[in-house]
Amino acid sequence: MRFLKTLKTPVAAVAVLLGLFALAPVAQAANPLEMNFWLSGPRYDGNLPPCEAALPSITHQFAEKEGTFWNSELRITAYGKIRDIAFRPWQSDNIPRRYCAGEVVLNDHTTRPVYFSIVEDGGLAGFTDGVEFCVVGLDRNWAFNPACRAAKP
């Protein structure tokens, strides 16, 4: 008898829930005004700066990441062999990106490869170009591992 009383409460709750779903309005297609009002989509022009324009951003972001998250004093002191390795490597409808590679010299006097990309409208709220980078051997959270392969085209 107790089993029936405890069973009635969940069954009643499920019945009420199903009843609410049955009364929900039916989905309808958008009317012509909704379909054509401000739905033009993104407009990318593909005008990205050269690789060297991203270096100050990489220096700042690297110092902030090492100091804040890893409690490290590592800093980038110099760059070398900066080169463009790809521009829009996929079909033209994708977000334009310029992929670059080079070397960084750190304040511990080591030289490491760096791979980075400049992404059109990839900055804060899409207002500026964004920069994504990876220093080989210092990708401590494995965001681009193995060996920064995900930072390359």
C-alpha atoms as a PDB file:
ATOM      1  CA  MET A   1       0.000   0.000   0.000  1.00  0.00           C
ATOM      2  CA  ARG A   2       2.823   2.430   0.810  1.00  0.00           C
ATOM      3  CA  PHE A   3       4.425   1.595  -2.522  1.00  0.00           C
ATOM      4  CA  LEU A   4       1.332   2.840  -4.376  1.00  0.00           C
ATOM      5  CA  LYS A   5       1.301   6.125  -2.444  1.00  0.00           C
ATOM      6  CA  THR A   6       4.965   6.812  -3.186  1.00  0.00           C
ATOM      7  CA  LEU A   7       4.469   5.862  -6.829  1.00  0.00           C
ATOM      8  CA  LYS A   8       1.517   8.257  -7.310  1.00  0.00           C
ATOM      9  CA  THR A   9       3.544  11.442  -6.673  1.00  0.00           C
ATOM     10  CA  PRO A  10       6.194  10.914  -9.400  1.00  0.00           C
ATOM     11  CA  VAL A  11       3.568   9.640 -11.850  1.00  0.00           C
ATOM     12  CA  ALA A  12       1.426  12.708 -11.233  1.00  0.00           C
ATOM     13  CA  ALA A  13       4.437  15.004 -11.728  1.00  0.00           C
ATOM     14  CA  VAL A  14       5.285  13.348 -15.034  1.00  0.00           C
ATOM     15  CA  ALA A  15       1.652  13.607 -16.157  1.00  0.00           C
ATOM     16  CA  VAL A  16       1.572  17.342 -15.367  1.00  0.00           C
ATOM     17  CA  LEU A  17       4.855  17.871 -17.214  1.00  0.00           C
ATOM     18  CA  LEU A  18       3.608  16.042 -20.301  1.00  0.00           C
ATOM     19  CA  GLY A  19       0.401  18.068 -20.168  1.00  0.00           C
ATOM     20  CA  LEU A  20       2.406  21.309 -20.209  1.00  0.00           C
ATOM     21  CA  PHE A  21       4.385  20.125 -23.248  1.00  0.00           C
ATOM     22  CA  ALA A  22       1.126  19.303 -25.040  1.00  0.00           C
ATOM     23  CA  LEU A  23      -0.121  22.869 -24.518  1.00  0.00           C
ATOM     24  CA  ALA A  24       3.070  24.513 -25.813  1.00  0.00           C
ATOM     25  CA  PRO A  25       2.681  26.571 -29.002  1.00  0.00           C
ATOM     26  CA  VAL A  26       3.763  25.047 -32.296  1.00  0.00           C
ATOM     27  CA  ALA A  27       7.002  26.371 -33.836  1.00  0.00           C
ATOM     28  CA  GLN A  28       6.445  28.478 -36.946  1.00  0.00           C
ATOM     29  CA  ALA A  29       8.734  29.749 -39.661  1.00  0.00           C
ATOM     30  CA  ALA A  30       9.890  33.366 -39.623  1.00  0.00           C
ATOM     31  CA  ASN A  31       7.815  35.866 -41.538  1.00  0.00           C
ATOM     32  CA  PRO A  32       9.439  37.769 -44.469  1.00  0.00           C
ATOM     33  CA  LEU A  33      10.309  40.784 -42.295  1.00  0.00           C
ATOM     34  CA  GLU A  34      12.111  38.593 -39.738  1.00  0.00           C
ATOM     35  CA  MET A  35      13.982  36.734 -42.468  1.00  0.00           C
ATOM     36  CA  ASN A  36      15.403  39.889 -44.061  1.00  0.00           C
ATOM     37  CA  PHE A  37      15.968  42.212 -41.115  1.00  0.00           C
ATOM     38  CA  TRP A  38      19.674  42.612 -40.218  1.00  0.00           C
ATOM     39  CA  LEU A  39      20.640  39.067 -41.142  1.00  0.00           C
ATOM     40  CA  SER A  40      23.347  39.950 -43.615  1.00  0.00           C
ATOM     41  CA  GLY A  41      26.041  37.819 -41.948  1.00  0.00           C
ATOM     42  CA  PRO A  42      29.685  38.598 -41.286  1.00  0.00           C
ATOM     43  CA  ARG A  43      31.612  40.705 -43.749  1.00  0.00           C
ATOM     44  CA  TYR A  44      35.285  39.838 -43.779  1.00  0.00           C
ATOM     45  CA  ASP A  45      37.616  41.763 -46.051  1.00  0.00           C
ATOM     46  CA  GLY A  46      40.782  39.717 -45.460  1.00  0.00           C
ATOM     47  CA  ASN A  47      42.984  42.777 -44.834  1.00  0.00           C
ATOM     48  CA  LEU A  48      45.240  41.451 -42.103  1.00  0.00           C
ATOM     49  CA  PRO A  49      48.445  43.106 -40.901  1.00  0.00           C
ATOM     50  CA  PRO A  50      51.837  41.466 -41.479  1.00  0.00           C
ATOM     51  CA  CYS A  51      53.220  38.994 -38.947  1.00  0.00           C
ATOM     52  CA  GLU A  52      55.411  41.607 -37.250  1.00  0.00           C
ATOM     53  CA  ALA A  53      52.320  43.557 -36.123  1.00  0.00           C
ATOM     54  CA  ALA A  54      51.404  40.767 -33.676  1.00  0.00           C
ATOM     55  CA  LEU A  55      54.713  40.718 -31.796  1.00  0.00           C
ATOM     56  CA  PRO A  56      53.876  43.356 -29.123  1.00  0.00           C
ATOM     57  CA  SER A  57      50.633  41.532 -28.350  1.00  0.00           C
ATOM     58  CA  ILE A  58      52.441  38.197 -28.049  1.00  0.00           C
ATOM     59  CA  THR A  59      55.064  39.729 -25.732  1.00  0.00           C
ATOM     60  CA  HIS A  60      52.381  41.183 -23.468  1.00  0.00           C
ATOM     61  CA  GLN A  61      50.142  38.089 -23.434  1.00  0.00           C
ATOM     62  CA  PHE A  62      53.083  35.752 -22.801  1.00  0.00           C
ATOM     63  CA  ALA A  63      54.317  37.810 -19.836  1.00  0.00           C
ATOM     64  CA  GLU A  64      50.818  38.015 -18.398  1.00  0.00           C
ATOM     65  CA  LYS A  65      50.186  34.265 -18.781  1.00  0.00           C
ATOM     66  CA  GLU A  66      53.547  33.227 -17.313  1.00  0.00           C
ATOM     67  CA  GLY A  67      53.339  35.640 -14.396  1.00  0.00           C
ATOM     68  CA  THR A  68      49.678  35.224 -13.524  1.00  0.00           C
ATOM     69  CA  PHE A  69      49.003  31.545 -14.125  1.00  0.00           C
ATOM     70  CA  TRP A  70      52.382  29.853 -13.806  1.00  0.00           C
ATOM     71  CA  ASN A  71      54.139  32.180 -11.330  1.00  0.00           C
ATOM     72  CA  SER A  72      57.097  32.342 -13.692  1.00  0.00           C
ATOM     73  CA  GLU A  73      59.489  35.179 -14.439  1.00  0.00           C
ATOM     74  CA  LEU A  74      59.939  34.131 -18.089  1.00  0.00           C
ATOM     75  CA  ARG A  75      59.645  36.994 -20.567  1.00  0.00           C
ATOM     76  CA  ILE A  76      60.206  37.313 -24.296  1.00  0.00           C
ATOM     77  CA  THR A  77      63.201  39.543 -24.963  1.00  0.00           C
ATOM     78  CA  ALA A  78      63.649  39.216 -28.732  1.00  0.00           C
ATOM     79  CA  TYR A  79      62.224  37.711 -31.906  1.00  0.00           C
ATOM     80  CA  GLY A  80      63.911  36.241 -34.944  1.00  0.00           C
ATOM     81  CA  LYS A  81      63.154  34.566 -38.284  1.00  0.00           C
ATOM     82  CA  ILE A  82      59.544  35.819 -38.333  1.00  0.00           C
ATOM     83  CA  ARG A  83      57.842  34.601 -41.496  1.00  0.00           C
ATOM     84  CA  ASP A  84      54.397  34.141 -42.994  1.00  0.00           C
ATOM     85  CA  ILE A  85      53.536  30.441 -43.412  1.00  0.00           C
ATOM     86  CA  ALA A  86      49.891  30.593 -44.609  1.00  0.00           C
ATOM     87  CA  PHE A  87      47.094  33.018 -45.368  1.00  0.00           C
ATOM     88  CA  ARG A  88      43.516  31.714 -45.449  1.00  0.00           C
ATOM     89  CA  PRO A  89      44.683  28.111 -45.802  1.00  0.00           C
ATOM     90  CA  TRP A  90      41.127  26.781 -46.011  1.00  0.00           C
ATOM     91  CA  GLN A  91      38.225  27.774 -48.215  1.00  0.00           C
ATOM     92  CA  SER A  92      37.544  31.463 -48.614  1.00  0.00           C
ATOM     93  CA  ASP A  93      34.308  31.462 -46.559  1.00  0.00           C
ATOM     94  CA  ASN A  94      36.173  30.862 -43.291  1.00  0.00           C
ATOM     95  CA  ILE A  95      37.323  33.624 -40.957  1.00  0.00           C
ATOM     96  CA  PRO A  96      40.514  35.087 -42.479  1.00  0.00           C
ATOM     97  CA  ARG A  97      43.695  34.134 -40.607  1.00  0.00           C
ATOM     98  CA  ARG A  98      47.363  34.762 -41.234  1.00  0.00           C
ATOM     99  CA  TYR A  99      49.598  32.019 -39.836  1.00  0.00           C
ATOM    100  CA  CYS A 100      53.155  32.907 -38.892  1.00  0.00           C
ATOM    101  CA  ALA A 101      56.207  31.263 -37.387  1.00  0.00           C
ATOM    102  CA  GLY A 102      59.455  32.420 -35.875  1.00  0.00           C
ATOM    103  CA  GLU A 103      61.735  32.166 -32.888  1.00  0.00           C
ATOM    104  CA  VAL A 104      61.643  33.856 -29.502  1.00  0.00           C
ATOM    105  CA  VAL A 105      64.537  34.527 -27.169  1.00  0.00           C
ATOM    106  CA  LEU A 106      63.544  34.357 -23.528  1.00  0.00           C
ATOM    107  CA  ASN A 107      65.123  36.069 -20.545  1.00  0.00           C
ATOM    108  CA  ASP A 108      66.673  32.724 -19.525  1.00  0.00           C
ATOM    109  CA  HIS A 109      68.715  32.963 -22.789  1.00  0.00           C
ATOM    110  CA  THR A 110      66.947  30.055 -24.499  1.00  0.00           C
ATOM    111  CA  THR A 111      65.599  30.203 -28.039  1.00  0.00           C
ATOM    112  CA  ARG A 112      62.308  28.481 -28.792  1.00  0.00           C
ATOM    113  CA  PRO A 113      60.070  28.250 -31.854  1.00  0.00           C
ATOM    114  CA  VAL A 114      56.825  30.213 -31.786  1.00  0.00           C
ATOM    115  CA  TYR A 115      53.738  29.744 -33.950  1.00  0.00           C
ATOM    116  CA  PHE A 116      50.962  32.294 -34.069  1.00  0.00           C
ATOM    117  CA  SER A 117      47.998  33.466 -36.071  1.00  0.00           C
ATOM    118  CA  ILE A 118      46.335  36.805 -36.608  1.00  0.00           C
ATOM    119  CA  VAL A 119      42.553  36.382 -36.760  1.00  0.00           C
ATOM    120  CA  GLU A 120      40.337  38.999 -38.393  1.00  0.00           C
ATOM    121  CA  ASP A 121      37.807  40.315 -35.850  1.00  0.00           C
ATOM    122  CA  GLY A 122      39.147  37.792 -33.319  1.00  0.00           C
ATOM    123  CA  GLY A 123      39.900  40.332 -30.615  1.00  0.00           C
ATOM    124  CA  LEU A 124      37.747  41.584 -27.769  1.00  0.00           C
ATOM    125  CA  ALA A 125      34.091  41.451 -28.863  1.00  0.00           C
ATOM    126  CA  GLY A 126      35.205  41.213 -32.495  1.00  0.00           C
ATOM    127  CA  PHE A 127      36.295  44.849 -32.725  1.00  0.00           C
ATOM    128  CA  THR A 128      39.985  44.221 -33.389  1.00  0.00           C
ATOM    129  CA  ASP A 129      42.161  41.530 -34.877  1.00  0.00           C
ATOM    130  CA  GLY A 130      43.011  38.780 -32.412  1.00  0.00           C
ATOM    131  CA  VAL A 131      46.299  36.958 -31.880  1.00  0.00           C
ATOM    132  CA  GLU A 132      46.668  33.317 -30.870  1.00  0.00           C
ATOM    133  CA  PHE A 133      50.169  32.009 -30.170  1.00  0.00           C
ATOM    134  CA  CYS A 134      52.097  29.041 -28.848  1.00  0.00           C
ATOM    135  CA  VAL A 135      55.729  28.865 -27.730  1.00  0.00           C
ATOM    136  CA  VAL A 136      56.999  25.307 -28.203  1.00  0.00           C
ATOM    137  CA  GLY A 137      57.808  23.707 -24.868  1.00  0.00           C
ATOM    138  CA  LEU A 138      55.909  26.329 -22.861  1.00  0.00           C
ATOM    139  CA  ASP A 139      52.344  25.288 -23.677  1.00  0.00           C
ATOM    140  CA  ARG A 140      51.841  24.298 -20.065  1.00  0.00           C
ATOM    141  CA  ASN A 141      48.058  23.892 -20.249  1.00  0.00           C
ATOM    142  CA  TRP A 142      48.353  21.826 -23.461  1.00  0.00           C
ATOM    143  CA  ALA A 143      46.010  24.097 -25.411  1.00  0.00           C
ATOM    144  CA  PHE A 144      47.976  23.556 -28.658  1.00  0.00           C
ATOM    145  CA  ASN A 145      49.800  20.272 -27.909  1.00  0.00           C
ATOM    146  CA  PRO A 146      51.620  18.246 -29.103  1.00  0.00           C
ATOM    147  CA  ALA A 147      54.475  20.650 -29.842  1.00  0.00           C
ATOM    148  CA  CYS A 148      52.087  23.501 -30.743  1.00  0.00           C
ATOM    149  CA  ARG A 149      50.690  21.553 -33.702  1.00  0.00           C
ATOM    150  CA  ALA A 150      47.198  23.035 -33.205  1.00  0.00           C
ATOM    151  CA  ALA A 151      48.614  26.566 -33.631  1.00  0.00           C
ATOM    152  CA  LYS A 152      49.725  25.749 -37.180  1.00  0.00           C
ATOM    153  CA  PRO A 153      47.524  25.689 -40.292  1.00  0.00           C
END
